[in-house]
Amino acid sequence: MPADKGLTTIRMMKKKTTSPRVNNVREDTVDRIVSAATRLFANKGYDGTSTKEVCQAAGANIAAIHYHFGSKENLYRHIIEQFAAERLESARKILQTPMNAEDLRVRLEIFLRQVVETILKQPDVAILIQRGSEMSDFISEDIYRNTMVKLFEKLVEFFAQAKKKGFLAAEVDPFIAAGFIKNQFLHQTRYDDVVKKYYGYSLKDEKYRTRWIHQTVRIFLAGVMGK
């Protein structure tokens, strides 16, 4: 066997036998970096978190962030964009044009449940998004504009379609309606610990979470005054 052909065969065998393991190690490293970075960014802010701290917390090589993401900014973007992409894909499936008033109610409840439960499972990412929406630095503004704004626009579109079909009152503004729903779940999840401390209710409790979702949608669609 020619030397170069033998060398090629060895390289192919080595690649074939080590690739799955290498890929698993790479994925594990990326996951640990993302997890550590999300926690640190939420607790200390973007500027207050160094790449060295992230790598130490993740148990990764000091050069791991540069190798896997290119920079701290790209890592930060990855965290927000991954979260937003998943939520946007889910919203597009749920917030389709309602067929009738009952379909509108059901779709809105499903949307609320998925958003609230996602925030409860990923509170650190929720903090980053909330903070990003309030900050004016170019990184936060750029990321927010290209991620969460699109999710909000999908909710606005949903209400606009419902209004066009006559399921919402003619005077209802879809933008304001979407803002109402958004503010409800952001406020309620953000102050869930406070509500639990003083009133004994928490969205972490499945029964209360279900009741809160039903009541929020009921009040939003029908108001608090019975007919």
Protein backbone atom coordinates (compact mmCIF):
# COMPACT_ATOMS: atom_id res chain seq x y z
CA MET A 1 0.00 0.00 0.00
CA PRO A 2 1.45 3.40 -0.95
CA ALA A 3 2.50 5.48 2.03
CA ASP A 4 0.21 8.38 1.18
CA LYS A 5 -2.79 6.06 0.71
CA GLY A 6 -2.07 4.34 4.02
CA LEU A 7 -1.80 7.68 5.78
CA THR A 8 -5.10 8.77 4.27
CA THR A 9 -6.75 5.56 5.44
CA ILE A 10 -5.44 6.04 8.99
CA ARG A 11 -6.66 9.63 9.06
CA MET A 12 -10.11 8.55 7.85
CA MET A 13 -10.29 5.80 10.45
CA LYS A 14 -9.18 8.17 13.18
CA LYS A 15 -11.72 10.77 12.15
CA LYS A 16 -14.47 8.18 11.97
CA THR A 17 -13.72 6.71 15.39
CA THR A 18 -13.15 9.96 17.26
CA SER A 19 -15.67 12.30 15.65
CA PRO A 20 -18.70 11.36 17.80
CA ARG A 21 -16.68 11.70 21.00
CA VAL A 22 -15.17 15.00 19.89
CA ASN A 23 -18.61 16.29 18.94
CA ASN A 24 -20.02 15.28 22.32
CA VAL A 25 -17.18 17.01 24.14
CA ARG A 26 -17.65 20.13 22.03
CA GLU A 27 -21.41 20.21 22.67
CA ASP A 28 -20.88 19.68 26.39
CA THR A 29 -18.36 22.53 26.52
CA VAL A 30 -20.68 24.86 24.63
CA ASP A 31 -23.60 23.97 26.91
CA ARG A 32 -21.52 24.61 30.04
CA ILE A 33 -20.30 27.95 28.69
CA VAL A 34 -23.82 29.07 27.77
CA SER A 35 -25.18 28.01 31.16
CA ALA A 36 -22.42 29.75 33.11
CA ALA A 37 -22.54 32.89 30.95
CA THR A 38 -26.32 33.20 31.26
CA ARG A 39 -26.11 33.04 35.04
CA LEU A 40 -23.22 35.51 35.26
CA PHE A 41 -24.70 37.96 32.74
CA ALA A 42 -27.95 37.94 34.71
CA ASN A 43 -26.23 38.47 38.07
CA LYS A 44 -23.42 40.85 37.07
CA GLY A 45 -24.47 42.34 33.76
CA TYR A 46 -22.70 42.19 30.42
CA ASP A 47 -19.95 44.70 31.26
CA GLY A 48 -19.44 43.24 34.73
CA THR A 49 -18.78 39.74 33.41
CA SER A 50 -15.42 38.76 31.96
CA THR A 51 -14.68 35.89 29.61
CA LYS A 52 -12.25 34.57 32.20
CA GLU A 53 -15.01 34.35 34.80
CA VAL A 54 -17.31 32.54 32.39
CA CYS A 55 -14.66 29.99 31.46
CA GLN A 56 -13.75 29.38 35.08
CA ALA A 57 -17.41 28.90 36.04
CA ALA A 58 -17.89 26.55 33.08
CA GLY A 59 -14.72 24.60 33.80
CA ALA A 60 -13.49 25.40 30.31
CA ASN A 61 -10.21 26.53 28.79
CA ILE A 62 -9.65 30.29 28.90
CA ALA A 63 -9.74 30.41 25.10
CA ALA A 64 -12.97 28.41 24.81
CA ILE A 65 -15.26 31.40 24.28
CA HIS A 66 -13.14 32.74 21.46
CA TYR A 67 -12.92 29.27 19.91
CA HIS A 68 -16.63 28.45 20.05
CA PHE A 69 -18.25 31.90 19.76
CA GLY A 70 -15.60 34.34 18.56
CA SER A 71 -16.19 36.90 21.31
CA LYS A 72 -18.11 37.69 24.50
CA GLU A 73 -20.57 39.76 22.48
CA ASN A 74 -21.30 36.83 20.17
CA LEU A 75 -21.85 34.60 23.19
CA TYR A 76 -24.30 37.13 24.64
CA ARG A 77 -26.11 37.35 21.31
CA HIS A 78 -26.26 33.57 21.05
CA ILE A 79 -28.04 33.27 24.41
CA ILE A 80 -30.74 35.81 23.56
CA GLU A 81 -31.14 34.80 19.93
CA GLN A 82 -31.47 31.10 20.75
CA PHE A 83 -34.19 31.84 23.31
CA ALA A 84 -36.00 34.24 20.97
CA ALA A 85 -35.80 31.89 17.98
CA GLU A 86 -37.41 29.08 19.96
CA ARG A 87 -40.16 31.35 21.26
CA LEU A 88 -40.80 32.87 17.83
CA GLU A 89 -41.08 29.46 16.18
CA SER A 90 -43.54 28.38 18.86
CA ALA A 91 -45.54 31.61 18.55
CA ARG A 92 -45.84 31.21 14.80
CA LYS A 93 -47.40 27.78 15.28
CA ILE A 94 -49.78 28.89 18.03
CA LEU A 95 -50.77 32.41 16.94
CA GLN A 96 -52.28 31.49 13.62
CA THR A 97 -55.41 33.26 12.39
CA PRO A 98 -58.22 32.19 14.77
CA MET A 99 -61.21 30.45 13.20
CA ASN A 100 -63.70 31.74 15.76
CA ALA A 101 -63.89 33.44 19.17
CA GLU A 102 -63.31 30.18 21.05
CA ASP A 103 -60.27 29.40 18.91
CA LEU A 104 -58.94 32.89 19.75
CA ARG A 105 -59.31 32.21 23.46
CA VAL A 106 -57.68 28.78 23.29
CA ARG A 107 -54.73 29.97 21.21
CA LEU A 108 -54.13 32.90 23.55
CA GLU A 109 -54.19 30.64 26.60
CA ILE A 110 -51.74 28.21 25.02
CA PHE A 111 -49.44 31.09 24.07
CA LEU A 112 -49.53 32.51 27.59
CA ARG A 113 -48.86 29.13 29.16
CA GLN A 114 -45.84 28.44 26.97
CA VAL A 115 -44.34 31.89 27.55
CA VAL A 116 -44.88 31.84 31.32
CA GLU A 117 -43.55 28.31 31.76
CA THR A 118 -40.52 29.09 29.61
CA ILE A 119 -39.72 32.17 31.69
CA LEU A 120 -40.09 30.17 34.91
CA LYS A 121 -37.70 27.53 33.56
CA GLN A 122 -35.17 30.08 32.28
CA PRO A 123 -35.36 33.02 34.70
CA ASP A 124 -31.82 34.22 33.97
CA VAL A 125 -32.56 34.60 30.26
CA ALA A 126 -35.75 36.46 31.16
CA ILE A 127 -33.66 38.89 33.23
CA LEU A 128 -31.33 39.49 30.28
CA ILE A 129 -34.26 40.19 27.98
CA GLN A 130 -35.96 42.52 30.45
CA ARG A 131 -32.73 44.37 31.08
CA GLY A 132 -31.95 44.53 27.37
CA SER A 133 -35.31 46.08 26.58
CA GLU A 134 -34.63 48.87 29.08
CA MET A 135 -31.02 49.64 28.12
CA SER A 136 -29.91 51.89 25.29
CA ASP A 137 -26.44 50.47 24.59
CA PHE A 138 -25.96 49.33 21.00
CA ILE A 139 -25.60 45.64 21.86
CA SER A 140 -28.81 45.32 23.85
CA GLU A 141 -30.82 47.50 21.50
CA ASP A 142 -29.63 45.66 18.41
CA ILE A 143 -30.28 42.23 19.88
CA TYR A 144 -33.70 43.17 21.24
CA ARG A 145 -34.77 44.77 17.96
CA ASN A 146 -33.87 41.65 15.97
CA THR A 147 -35.28 39.09 18.37
CA MET A 148 -37.98 39.94 20.92
CA VAL A 149 -39.48 42.72 18.81
CA LYS A 150 -40.34 40.11 16.18
CA LEU A 151 -42.09 38.00 18.80
CA PHE A 152 -44.15 40.99 19.91
CA GLU A 153 -45.00 41.84 16.32
CA LYS A 154 -46.35 38.31 15.86
CA LEU A 155 -48.71 38.87 18.79
CA VAL A 156 -49.82 42.19 17.29
CA GLU A 157 -50.46 40.44 13.97
CA PHE A 158 -52.53 37.78 15.75
CA PHE A 159 -54.82 40.39 17.26
CA ALA A 160 -55.01 42.30 13.99
CA GLN A 161 -56.20 39.13 12.24
CA ALA A 162 -58.73 38.45 15.01
CA LYS A 163 -60.04 42.01 14.70
CA LYS A 164 -60.32 41.70 10.91
CA LYS A 165 -62.51 38.61 11.38
CA GLY A 166 -64.71 40.47 13.85
CA PHE A 167 -63.62 38.62 17.00
CA LEU A 168 -62.37 41.85 18.63
CA ALA A 169 -64.27 45.11 19.00
CA ALA A 170 -63.76 47.63 16.22
CA GLU A 171 -62.20 50.16 18.61
CA VAL A 172 -59.54 47.75 19.90
CA ASP A 173 -55.99 48.64 18.89
CA PRO A 174 -54.02 45.40 18.20
CA PHE A 175 -50.76 47.04 19.28
CA ILE A 176 -52.17 48.11 22.65
CA ALA A 177 -53.88 44.74 23.08
CA ALA A 178 -50.58 42.93 22.49
CA GLY A 179 -48.84 45.30 24.90
CA PHE A 180 -51.40 44.48 27.58
CA ILE A 181 -50.76 40.74 27.29
CA LYS A 182 -46.99 41.22 27.17
CA ASN A 183 -47.01 43.44 30.26
CA GLN A 184 -49.15 40.95 32.13
CA PHE A 185 -46.79 38.00 31.79
CA LEU A 186 -43.62 40.06 32.18
CA HIS A 187 -44.85 41.77 35.35
CA GLN A 188 -46.35 38.64 36.87
CA THR A 189 -43.25 36.50 36.32
CA ARG A 190 -40.86 39.25 37.37
CA TYR A 191 -42.57 39.76 40.73
CA ASP A 192 -43.65 36.18 41.33
CA ASP A 193 -41.47 35.87 44.45
CA VAL A 194 -42.97 39.07 45.88
CA VAL A 195 -46.52 37.85 45.25
CA LYS A 196 -45.62 34.56 46.89
CA LYS A 197 -44.11 36.28 49.93
CA TYR A 198 -47.02 38.64 50.66
CA TYR A 199 -50.04 36.91 49.18
CA GLY A 200 -49.13 33.24 49.07
CA TYR A 201 -49.64 32.77 45.33
CA SER A 202 -46.99 31.67 42.86
CA LEU A 203 -46.97 30.86 39.17
CA LYS A 204 -44.69 27.96 40.04
CA ASP A 205 -47.78 26.27 41.44
CA GLU A 206 -49.47 24.57 38.48
CA LYS A 207 -53.02 25.05 39.78
CA TYR A 208 -52.56 28.76 40.38
CA ARG A 209 -50.71 29.16 37.07
CA THR A 210 -53.65 27.61 35.22
CA ARG A 211 -56.12 29.83 37.08
CA TRP A 212 -54.01 32.93 36.40
CA ILE A 213 -53.89 32.14 32.67
CA HIS A 214 -57.65 31.52 32.47
CA GLN A 215 -58.44 34.68 34.43
CA THR A 216 -56.01 36.85 32.47
CA VAL A 217 -57.48 35.78 29.14
CA ARG A 218 -61.05 35.98 30.49
CA ILE A 219 -60.58 39.53 31.80
CA PHE A 220 -58.75 40.57 28.66
CA LEU A 221 -61.45 39.29 26.30
CA ALA A 222 -64.61 39.97 28.32
CA GLY A 223 -63.67 42.58 30.92
CA VAL A 224 -64.51 42.48 34.62
CA MET A 225 -68.11 43.66 34.31
CA GLY A 226 -70.57 40.84 33.83
CA LYS A 227 -73.32 41.27 31.29
